[in-house]
Amino acid sequence: MAYLEILSRSDSQYAPLEKKAGEDDLKRFYSLFLDANGQTIAYDKLSINNGRVVELLPMAKSLEVHPDAIYHTMQSFRYYPENNIARICLDLFSRKIMS
């Protein structure tokens, strides 16, 4: 579902958009908004700093991007690559048997 469709719902004040979004997804989402001057924010000018999305400005300055009523929470998650390895091995094994 598109972000704007979720945000346009009027049945709730709280609307989670996505869980376990990576930093790239978060920067892409924040690039949809305008800065304080009403200008678009380029994706490549955004950075994550201490859990906050900031726009990198000239002269080594930065400004936090914080649209009204939009919040995010940064969390760490564990990733277990062995879960995918078992699936891949079984797939290769089954292909070897079938051929």
PDB file of N, CA and C in Angstrom:
ATOM      1  N   MET A   1       0.851  -1.179   0.000  1.00  0.00           N
ATOM      2  CA  MET A   1       0.000   0.000   0.000  1.00  0.00           C
ATOM      3  C   MET A   1       0.898   1.244   0.000  1.00  0.00           C
ATOM      4  N   ALA A   2       0.506   2.229  -0.721  1.00  0.00           N
ATOM      5  CA  ALA A   2       1.298   3.446  -0.840  1.00  0.00           C
ATOM      6  C   ALA A   2       1.220   4.272   0.438  1.00  0.00           C
ATOM      7  N   TYR A   3       2.323   4.959   0.751  1.00  0.00           N
ATOM      8  CA  TYR A   3       2.376   5.785   1.957  1.00  0.00           C
ATOM      9  C   TYR A   3       1.276   6.831   1.992  1.00  0.00           C
ATOM     10  N   LEU A   4       1.083   7.520   0.881  1.00  0.00           N
ATOM     11  CA  LEU A   4       0.104   8.605   0.857  1.00  0.00           C
ATOM     12  C   LEU A   4      -1.313   8.093   1.080  1.00  0.00           C
ATOM     13  N   GLU A   5      -1.606   6.886   0.599  1.00  0.00           N
ATOM     14  CA  GLU A   5      -2.923   6.295   0.827  1.00  0.00           C
ATOM     15  C   GLU A   5      -3.129   6.016   2.312  1.00  0.00           C
ATOM     16  N   ILE A   6      -2.124   5.492   2.965  1.00  0.00           N
ATOM     17  CA  ILE A   6      -2.222   5.213   4.404  1.00  0.00           C
ATOM     18  C   ILE A   6      -2.380   6.511   5.182  1.00  0.00           C
ATOM     19  N   LEU A   7      -1.593   7.521   4.819  1.00  0.00           N
ATOM     20  CA  LEU A   7      -1.652   8.793   5.532  1.00  0.00           C
ATOM     21  C   LEU A   7      -2.961   9.538   5.316  1.00  0.00           C
ATOM     22  N   SER A   8      -3.655   9.282   4.210  1.00  0.00           N
ATOM     23  CA  SER A   8      -4.898  10.003   3.930  1.00  0.00           C
ATOM     24  C   SER A   8      -6.104   9.416   4.655  1.00  0.00           C
ATOM     25  N   ARG A   9      -5.951   8.292   5.303  1.00  0.00           N
ATOM     26  CA  ARG A   9      -7.061   7.712   6.066  1.00  0.00           C
ATOM     27  C   ARG A   9      -7.414   8.631   7.228  1.00  0.00           C
ATOM     28  N   SER A  10      -8.682   8.746   7.484  1.00  0.00           N
ATOM     29  CA  SER A  10      -9.116   9.611   8.580  1.00  0.00           C
ATOM     30  C   SER A  10      -9.685   8.818   9.751  1.00  0.00           C
ATOM     31  N   ASP A  11      -9.640   7.489   9.689  1.00  0.00           N
ATOM     32  CA  ASP A  11     -10.240   6.676  10.739  1.00  0.00           C
ATOM     33  C   ASP A  11      -9.346   6.486  11.960  1.00  0.00           C
ATOM     34  N   SER A  12      -8.096   6.917  11.902  1.00  0.00           N
ATOM     35  CA  SER A  12      -7.191   6.725  13.028  1.00  0.00           C
ATOM     36  C   SER A  12      -6.144   7.838  13.063  1.00  0.00           C
ATOM     37  N   GLN A  13      -5.722   8.179  14.268  1.00  0.00           N
ATOM     38  CA  GLN A  13      -4.658   9.168  14.411  1.00  0.00           C
ATOM     39  C   GLN A  13      -3.292   8.506  14.301  1.00  0.00           C
ATOM     40  N   TYR A  14      -3.250   7.191  14.435  1.00  0.00           N
ATOM     41  CA  TYR A  14      -1.997   6.443  14.402  1.00  0.00           C
ATOM     42  C   TYR A  14      -2.035   5.498  13.208  1.00  0.00           C
ATOM     43  N   ALA A  15      -1.081   5.590  12.342  1.00  0.00           N
ATOM     44  CA  ALA A  15      -1.049   4.727  11.169  1.00  0.00           C
ATOM     45  C   ALA A  15       0.374   4.270  10.906  1.00  0.00           C
ATOM     46  N   PRO A  16       0.751   3.069  11.382  1.00  0.00           N
ATOM     47  CA  PRO A  16       2.094   2.580  11.079  1.00  0.00           C
ATOM     48  C   PRO A  16       2.230   2.316   9.587  1.00  0.00           C
ATOM     49  N   LEU A  17       3.325   2.783   9.013  1.00  0.00           N
ATOM     50  CA  LEU A  17       3.523   2.659   7.577  1.00  0.00           C
ATOM     51  C   LEU A  17       4.309   1.421   7.192  1.00  0.00           C
ATOM     52  N   GLU A  18       5.336   1.115   7.980  1.00  0.00           N
ATOM     53  CA  GLU A  18       6.201   0.005   7.620  1.00  0.00           C
ATOM     54  C   GLU A  18       7.009  -0.417   8.846  1.00  0.00           C
ATOM     55  N   LYS A  19       7.213  -1.726   8.971  1.00  0.00           N
ATOM     56  CA  LYS A  19       8.055  -2.239  10.049  1.00  0.00           C
ATOM     57  C   LYS A  19       9.361  -2.746   9.454  1.00  0.00           C
ATOM     58  N   LYS A  20      10.417  -2.624  10.215  1.00  0.00           N
ATOM     59  CA  LYS A  20      11.747  -3.081   9.815  1.00  0.00           C
ATOM     60  C   LYS A  20      12.208  -2.447   8.505  1.00  0.00           C
ATOM     61  N   ALA A  21      11.969  -1.174   8.359  1.00  0.00           N
ATOM     62  CA  ALA A  21      12.447  -0.447   7.170  1.00  0.00           C
ATOM     63  C   ALA A  21      13.921  -0.132   7.364  1.00  0.00           C
ATOM     64  N   GLY A  22      14.675  -0.283   6.326  1.00  0.00           N
ATOM     65  CA  GLY A  22      16.104   0.036   6.388  1.00  0.00           C
ATOM     66  C   GLY A  22      16.331   1.540   6.291  1.00  0.00           C
ATOM     67  N   GLU A  23      17.568   1.940   6.482  1.00  0.00           N
ATOM     68  CA  GLU A  23      17.909   3.364   6.415  1.00  0.00           C
ATOM     69  C   GLU A  23      17.613   3.950   5.042  1.00  0.00           C
ATOM     70  N   ASP A  24      17.854   3.186   3.986  1.00  0.00           N
ATOM     71  CA  ASP A  24      17.565   3.681   2.638  1.00  0.00           C
ATOM     72  C   ASP A  24      16.073   3.934   2.451  1.00  0.00           C
ATOM     73  N   ASP A  25      15.245   3.015   2.956  1.00  0.00           N
ATOM     74  CA  ASP A  25      13.794   3.198   2.860  1.00  0.00           C
ATOM     75  C   ASP A  25      13.348   4.425   3.650  1.00  0.00           C
ATOM     76  N   LEU A  26      13.932   4.624   4.825  1.00  0.00           N
ATOM     77  CA  LEU A  26      13.579   5.774   5.654  1.00  0.00           C
ATOM     78  C   LEU A  26      13.963   7.077   4.957  1.00  0.00           C
ATOM     79  N   LYS A  27      15.146   7.127   4.375  1.00  0.00           N
ATOM     80  CA  LYS A  27      15.573   8.323   3.646  1.00  0.00           C
ATOM     81  C   LYS A  27      14.684   8.563   2.424  1.00  0.00           C
ATOM     82  N   ARG A  28      14.326   7.493   1.723  1.00  0.00           N
ATOM     83  CA  ARG A  28      13.443   7.620   0.564  1.00  0.00           C
ATOM     84  C   ARG A  28      12.084   8.185   0.982  1.00  0.00           C
ATOM     85  N   PHE A  29      11.554   7.723   2.121  1.00  0.00           N
ATOM     86  CA  PHE A  29      10.272   8.209   2.629  1.00  0.00           C
ATOM     87  C   PHE A  29      10.353   9.699   2.977  1.00  0.00           C
ATOM     88  N   TYR A  30      11.394  10.086   3.693  1.00  0.00           N
ATOM     89  CA  TYR A  30      11.531  11.489   4.101  1.00  0.00           C
ATOM     90  C   TYR A  30      11.803  12.409   2.902  1.00  0.00           C
ATOM     91  N   SER A  31      12.327  11.863   1.817  1.00  0.00           N
ATOM     92  CA  SER A  31      12.557  12.697   0.641  1.00  0.00           C
ATOM     93  C   SER A  31      11.253  13.074  -0.056  1.00  0.00           C
ATOM     94  N   LEU A  32      10.142  12.465   0.345  1.00  0.00           N
ATOM     95  CA  LEU A  32       8.832  12.812  -0.215  1.00  0.00           C
ATOM     96  C   LEU A  32       8.319  14.149   0.320  1.00  0.00           C
ATOM     97  N   PHE A  33       8.877  14.606   1.426  1.00  0.00           N
ATOM     98  CA  PHE A  33       8.403  15.820   2.075  1.00  0.00           C
ATOM     99  C   PHE A  33       9.210  17.036   1.622  1.00  0.00           C
ATOM    100  N   LEU A  34       8.688  18.207   1.947  1.00  0.00           N
ATOM    101  CA  LEU A  34       9.373  19.458   1.623  1.00  0.00           C
ATOM    102  C   LEU A  34      10.138  19.956   2.836  1.00  0.00           C
ATOM    103  N   ASP A  35      11.190  20.716   2.610  1.00  0.00           N
ATOM    104  CA  ASP A  35      11.935  21.303   3.728  1.00  0.00           C
ATOM    105  C   ASP A  35      11.194  22.541   4.253  1.00  0.00           C
ATOM    106  N   ALA A  36      11.795  23.226   5.206  1.00  0.00           N
ATOM    107  CA  ALA A  36      11.157  24.390   5.846  1.00  0.00           C
ATOM    108  C   ALA A  36      10.887  25.520   4.856  1.00  0.00           C
ATOM    109  N   ASN A  37      11.631  25.562   3.758  1.00  0.00           N
ATOM    110  CA  ASN A  37      11.454  26.608   2.742  1.00  0.00           C
ATOM    111  C   ASN A  37      10.514  26.184   1.621  1.00  0.00           C
ATOM    112  N   GLY A  38       9.903  25.000   1.747  1.00  0.00           N
ATOM    113  CA  GLY A  38       8.989  24.520   0.718  1.00  0.00           C
ATOM    114  C   GLY A  38       9.672  23.891  -0.475  1.00  0.00           C
ATOM    115  N   GLN A  39      10.950  23.590  -0.349  1.00  0.00           N
ATOM    116  CA  GLN A  39      11.725  22.976  -1.429  1.00  0.00           C
ATOM    117  C   GLN A  39      11.765  21.459  -1.237  1.00  0.00           C
ATOM    118  N   THR A  40      11.856  20.742  -2.339  1.00  0.00           N
ATOM    119  CA  THR A  40      11.987  19.299  -2.238  1.00  0.00           C
ATOM    120  C   THR A  40      13.352  18.947  -1.645  1.00  0.00           C
ATOM    121  N   ILE A  41      13.412  17.821  -0.972  1.00  0.00           N
ATOM    122  CA  ILE A  41      14.652  17.366  -0.342  1.00  0.00           C
ATOM    123  C   ILE A  41      15.197  16.218  -1.178  1.00  0.00           C
ATOM    124  N   ALA A  42      16.390  16.363  -1.674  1.00  0.00           N
ATOM    125  CA  ALA A  42      17.007  15.318  -2.492  1.00  0.00           C
ATOM    126  C   ALA A  42      17.423  14.149  -1.603  1.00  0.00           C
ATOM    127  N   TYR A  43      17.167  12.937  -2.087  1.00  0.00           N
ATOM    128  CA  TYR A  43      17.517  11.722  -1.345  1.00  0.00           C
ATOM    129  C   TYR A  43      18.998  11.711  -0.964  1.00  0.00           C
ATOM    130  N   ASP A  44      19.856  12.087  -1.899  1.00  0.00           N
ATOM    131  CA  ASP A  44      21.300  12.027  -1.636  1.00  0.00           C
ATOM    132  C   ASP A  44      21.774  13.094  -0.652  1.00  0.00           C
ATOM    133  N   LYS A  45      20.903  14.021  -0.273  1.00  0.00           N
ATOM    134  CA  LYS A  45      21.239  15.045   0.726  1.00  0.00           C
ATOM    135  C   LYS A  45      20.771  14.641   2.122  1.00  0.00           C
ATOM    136  N   LEU A  46      20.157  13.460   2.243  1.00  0.00           N
ATOM    137  CA  LEU A  46      19.664  12.991   3.539  1.00  0.00           C
ATOM    138  C   LEU A  46      20.645  12.019   4.166  1.00  0.00           C
ATOM    139  N   SER A  47      20.682  12.037   5.487  1.00  0.00           N
ATOM    140  CA  SER A  47      21.552  11.145   6.238  1.00  0.00           C
ATOM    141  C   SER A  47      20.854  10.776   7.543  1.00  0.00           C
ATOM    142  N   ILE A  48      21.232   9.648   8.113  1.00  0.00           N
ATOM    143  CA  ILE A  48      20.718   9.239   9.418  1.00  0.00           C
ATOM    144  C   ILE A  48      21.818   9.511  10.431  1.00  0.00           C
ATOM    145  N   ASN A  49      21.504  10.306  11.451  1.00  0.00           N
ATOM    146  CA  ASN A  49      22.481  10.685  12.460  1.00  0.00           C
ATOM    147  C   ASN A  49      21.841  10.534  13.843  1.00  0.00           C
ATOM    148  N   ASN A  50      22.335   9.576  14.619  1.00  0.00           N
ATOM    149  CA  ASN A  50      21.798   9.303  15.957  1.00  0.00           C
ATOM    150  C   ASN A  50      20.296   9.045  15.922  1.00  0.00           C
ATOM    151  N   GLY A  51      19.841   8.289  14.938  1.00  0.00           N
ATOM    152  CA  GLY A  51      18.436   7.929  14.838  1.00  0.00           C
ATOM    153  C   GLY A  51      17.547   9.015  14.260  1.00  0.00           C
ATOM    154  N   ARG A  52      18.125  10.116  13.834  1.00  0.00           N
ATOM    155  CA  ARG A  52      17.352  11.224  13.263  1.00  0.00           C
ATOM    156  C   ARG A  52      17.716  11.402  11.801  1.00  0.00           C
ATOM    157  N   VAL A  53      16.722  11.785  11.022  1.00  0.00           N
ATOM    158  CA  VAL A  53      16.956  12.055   9.607  1.00  0.00           C
ATOM    159  C   VAL A  53      17.344  13.522   9.472  1.00  0.00           C
ATOM    160  N   VAL A  54      18.483  13.766   8.862  1.00  0.00           N
ATOM    161  CA  VAL A  54      18.963  15.141   8.703  1.00  0.00           C
ATOM    162  C   VAL A  54      19.249  15.413   7.233  1.00  0.00           C
ATOM    163  N   GLU A  55      19.049  16.669   6.848  1.00  0.00           N
ATOM    164  CA  GLU A  55      19.390  17.122   5.506  1.00  0.00           C
ATOM    165  C   GLU A  55      20.771  17.754   5.573  1.00  0.00           C
ATOM    166  N   LEU A  56      21.675  17.295   4.730  1.00  0.00           N
ATOM    167  CA  LEU A  56      23.035  17.832   4.702  1.00  0.00           C
ATOM    168  C   LEU A  56      23.030  19.136   3.919  1.00  0.00           C
ATOM    169  N   LEU A  57      23.480  20.192   4.558  1.00  0.00           N
ATOM    170  CA  LEU A  57      23.489  21.529   3.968  1.00  0.00           C
ATOM    171  C   LEU A  57      24.916  21.945   3.642  1.00  0.00           C
ATOM    172  N   PRO A  58      25.076  23.002   2.848  1.00  0.00           N
ATOM    173  CA  PRO A  58      26.439  23.498   2.569  1.00  0.00           C
ATOM    174  C   PRO A  58      27.149  23.947   3.846  1.00  0.00           C
ATOM    175  N   MET A  59      28.439  24.062   3.765  1.00  0.00           N
ATOM    176  CA  MET A  59      29.283  24.519   4.879  1.00  0.00           C
ATOM    177  C   MET A  59      29.263  23.523   6.048  1.00  0.00           C
ATOM    178  N   ALA A  60      29.142  22.221   5.737  1.00  0.00           N
ATOM    179  CA  ALA A  60      29.168  21.132   6.730  1.00  0.00           C
ATOM    180  C   ALA A  60      28.104  21.286   7.800  1.00  0.00           C
ATOM    181  N   LYS A  61      26.970  21.876   7.454  1.00  0.00           N
ATOM    182  CA  LYS A  61      25.858  22.006   8.390  1.00  0.00           C
ATOM    183  C   LYS A  61      24.805  20.961   8.061  1.00  0.00           C
ATOM    184  N   SER A  62      23.943  20.699   9.029  1.00  0.00           N
ATOM    185  CA  SER A  62      22.829  19.779   8.795  1.00  0.00           C
ATOM    186  C   SER A  62      21.601  20.293   9.543  1.00  0.00           C
ATOM    187  N   LEU A  63      20.434  19.891   9.058  1.00  0.00           N
ATOM    188  CA  LEU A  63      19.173  20.321   9.640  1.00  0.00           C
ATOM    189  C   LEU A  63      18.272  19.106   9.742  1.00  0.00           C
ATOM    190  N   GLU A  64      17.706  18.883  10.932  1.00  0.00           N
ATOM    191  CA  GLU A  64      16.819  17.732  11.119  1.00  0.00           C
ATOM    192  C   GLU A  64      15.559  17.899  10.272  1.00  0.00           C
ATOM    193  N   VAL A  65      15.200  16.827   9.579  1.00  0.00           N
ATOM    194  CA  VAL A  65      13.970  16.804   8.787  1.00  0.00           C
ATOM    195  C   VAL A  65      12.902  16.188   9.670  1.00  0.00           C
ATOM    196  N   HIS A  66      11.893  16.974   9.979  1.00  0.00           N
ATOM    197  CA  HIS A  66      10.852  16.474  10.883  1.00  0.00           C
ATOM    198  C   HIS A  66       9.491  17.010  10.458  1.00  0.00           C
ATOM    199  N   PRO A  67       8.844  16.334   9.495  1.00  0.00           N
ATOM    200  CA  PRO A  67       7.509  16.776   9.081  1.00  0.00           C
ATOM    201  C   PRO A  67       6.525  16.678  10.245  1.00  0.00           C
ATOM    202  N   ASP A  68       5.562  17.564  10.270  1.00  0.00           N
ATOM    203  CA  ASP A  68       4.556  17.542  11.336  1.00  0.00           C
ATOM    204  C   ASP A  68       3.845  16.194  11.385  1.00  0.00           C
ATOM    205  N   ALA A  69       3.732  15.653  12.583  1.00  0.00           N
ATOM    206  CA  ALA A  69       2.983  14.428  12.882  1.00  0.00           C
ATOM    207  C   ALA A  69       3.563  13.169  12.247  1.00  0.00           C
ATOM    208  N   ILE A  70       4.798  13.206  11.782  1.00  0.00           N
ATOM    209  CA  ILE A  70       5.466  12.018  11.242  1.00  0.00           C
ATOM    210  C   ILE A  70       6.613  11.671  12.184  1.00  0.00           C
ATOM    211  N   TYR A  71       6.594  10.449  12.705  1.00  0.00           N
ATOM    212  CA  TYR A  71       7.615  10.009  13.652  1.00  0.00           C
ATOM    213  C   TYR A  71       8.125   8.643  13.236  1.00  0.00           C
ATOM    214  N   HIS A  72       9.339   8.353  13.607  1.00  0.00           N
ATOM    215  CA  HIS A  72       9.895   7.024  13.376  1.00  0.00           C
ATOM    216  C   HIS A  72      10.699   6.609  14.600  1.00  0.00           C
ATOM    217  N   THR A  73      10.893   5.322  14.731  1.00  0.00           N
ATOM    218  CA  THR A  73      11.675   4.764  15.820  1.00  0.00           C
ATOM    219  C   THR A  73      12.731   3.851  15.224  1.00  0.00           C
ATOM    220  N   MET A  74      13.978   4.051  15.609  1.00  0.00           N
ATOM    221  CA  MET A  74      15.063   3.201  15.134  1.00  0.00           C
ATOM    222  C   MET A  74      15.243   2.048  16.122  1.00  0.00           C
ATOM    223  N   GLN A  75      15.301   0.825  15.605  1.00  0.00           N
ATOM    224  CA  GLN A  75      15.523  -0.357  16.422  1.00  0.00           C
ATOM    225  C   GLN A  75      16.529  -1.256  15.724  1.00  0.00           C
ATOM    226  N   SER A  76      17.252  -2.009  16.508  1.00  0.00           N
ATOM    227  CA  SER A  76      18.174  -2.999  15.950  1.00  0.00           C
ATOM    228  C   SER A  76      17.469  -4.340  15.861  1.00  0.00           C
ATOM    229  N   PHE A  77      17.730  -5.074  14.783  1.00  0.00           N
ATOM    230  CA  PHE A  77      17.163  -6.399  14.611  1.00  0.00           C
ATOM    231  C   PHE A  77      18.278  -7.366  14.280  1.00  0.00           C
ATOM    232  N   ARG A  78      18.099  -8.592  14.724  1.00  0.00           N
ATOM    233  CA  ARG A  78      19.067  -9.625  14.384  1.00  0.00           C
ATOM    234  C   ARG A  78      18.684 -10.259  13.060  1.00  0.00           C
ATOM    235  N   TYR A  79      19.689 -10.639  12.332  1.00  0.00           N
ATOM    236  CA  TYR A  79      19.495 -11.303  11.057  1.00  0.00           C
ATOM    237  C   TYR A  79      20.238 -12.622  11.103  1.00  0.00           C
ATOM    238  N   TYR A  80      19.540 -13.693  10.806  1.00  0.00           N
ATOM    239  CA  TYR A  80      20.137 -15.025  10.850  1.00  0.00           C
ATOM    240  C   TYR A  80      20.261 -15.575   9.431  1.00  0.00           C
ATOM    241  N   PRO A  81      21.431 -15.449   8.825  1.00  0.00           N
ATOM    242  CA  PRO A  81      21.586 -15.900   7.437  1.00  0.00           C
ATOM    243  C   PRO A  81      21.400 -17.399   7.260  1.00  0.00           C
ATOM    244  N   GLU A  82      21.594 -18.177   8.327  1.00  0.00           N
ATOM    245  CA  GLU A  82      21.455 -19.627   8.179  1.00  0.00           C
ATOM    246  C   GLU A  82      20.027 -20.042   7.846  1.00  0.00           C
ATOM    247  N   ASN A  83      19.039 -19.186   8.141  1.00  0.00           N
ATOM    248  CA  ASN A  83      17.666 -19.517   7.754  1.00  0.00           C
ATOM    249  C   ASN A  83      17.544 -19.589   6.238  1.00  0.00           C
ATOM    250  N   ASN A  84      18.210 -18.729   5.535  1.00  0.00           N
ATOM    251  CA  ASN A  84      18.171 -18.738   4.076  1.00  0.00           C
ATOM    252  C   ASN A  84      19.068 -19.814   3.486  1.00  0.00           C
ATOM    253  N   ILE A  85      20.141 -20.130   4.165  1.00  0.00           N
ATOM    254  CA  ILE A  85      21.078 -21.134   3.659  1.00  0.00           C
ATOM    255  C   ILE A  85      20.403 -22.497   3.567  1.00  0.00           C
ATOM    256  N   ALA A  86      19.613 -22.855   4.566  1.00  0.00           N
ATOM    257  CA  ALA A  86      18.918 -24.149   4.542  1.00  0.00           C
ATOM    258  C   ALA A  86      17.978 -24.220   3.346  1.00  0.00           C
ATOM    259  N   ARG A  87      17.254 -23.158   3.071  1.00  0.00           N
ATOM    260  CA  ARG A  87      16.323 -23.143   1.942  1.00  0.00           C
ATOM    261  C   ARG A  87      17.083 -23.284   0.627  1.00  0.00           C
ATOM    262  N   ILE A  88      18.193 -22.581   0.498  1.00  0.00           N
ATOM    263  CA  ILE A  88      18.991 -22.626  -0.729  1.00  0.00           C
ATOM    264  C   ILE A  88      19.573 -24.021  -0.940  1.00  0.00           C
ATOM    265  N   CYS A  89      20.102 -24.618   0.138  1.00  0.00           N
ATOM    266  CA  CYS A  89      20.694 -25.958   0.030  1.00  0.00           C
ATOM    267  C   CYS A  89      19.647 -26.990  -0.375  1.00  0.00           C
ATOM    268  N   LEU A  90      18.462 -26.909   0.232  1.00  0.00           N
ATOM    269  CA  LEU A  90      17.399 -27.846  -0.126  1.00  0.00           C
ATOM    270  C   LEU A  90      16.967 -27.658  -1.572  1.00  0.00           C
ATOM    271  N   ASP A  91      16.902 -26.436  -2.022  1.00  0.00           N
ATOM    272  CA  ASP A  91      16.529 -26.159  -3.403  1.00  0.00           C
ATOM    273  C   ASP A  91      17.562 -26.748  -4.363  1.00  0.00           C
ATOM    274  N   LEU A  92      18.839 -26.529  -4.087  1.00  0.00           N
ATOM    275  CA  LEU A  92      19.890 -27.080  -4.950  1.00  0.00           C
ATOM    276  C   LEU A  92      19.893 -28.601  -4.932  1.00  0.00           C
ATOM    277  N   PHE A  93      19.688 -29.172  -3.751  1.00  0.00           N
ATOM    278  CA  PHE A  93      19.663 -30.621  -3.607  1.00  0.00           C
ATOM    279  C   PHE A  93      18.491 -31.219  -4.400  1.00  0.00           C
ATOM    280  N   SER A  94      17.314 -30.594  -4.286  1.00  0.00           N
ATOM    281  CA  SER A  94      16.146 -31.122  -4.995  1.00  0.00           C
ATOM    282  C   SER A  94      16.323 -30.991  -6.504  1.00  0.00           C
ATOM    283  N   ARG A  95      16.972 -29.926  -6.978  1.00  0.00           N
ATOM    284  CA  ARG A  95      17.232 -29.781  -8.406  1.00  0.00           C
ATOM    285  C   ARG A  95      18.208 -30.846  -8.901  1.00  0.00           C
ATOM    286  N   LYS A  96      19.201 -31.171  -8.063  1.00  0.00           N
ATOM    287  CA  LYS A  96      20.195 -32.176  -8.434  1.00  0.00           C
ATOM    288  C   LYS A  96      19.534 -33.554  -8.572  1.00  0.00           C
ATOM    289  N   ILE A  97      18.617 -33.862  -7.660  1.00  0.00           N
ATOM    290  CA  ILE A  97      17.921 -35.151  -7.703  1.00  0.00           C
ATOM    291  C   ILE A  97      17.005 -35.237  -8.912  1.00  0.00           C
ATOM    292  N   MET A  98      16.319 -34.146  -9.230  1.00  0.00           N
ATOM    293  CA  MET A  98      15.361 -34.139 -10.328  1.00  0.00           C
ATOM    294  C   MET A  98      16.046 -34.242 -11.690  1.00  0.00           C
ATOM    295  N   SER A  99      17.303 -33.823 -11.791  1.00  0.00           N
ATOM    296  CA  SER A  99      17.952 -33.843 -13.109  1.00  0.00           C
ATOM    297  C   SER A  99      18.727 -35.107 -13.361  1.00  0.00           C
TER     298      SER A  99
END
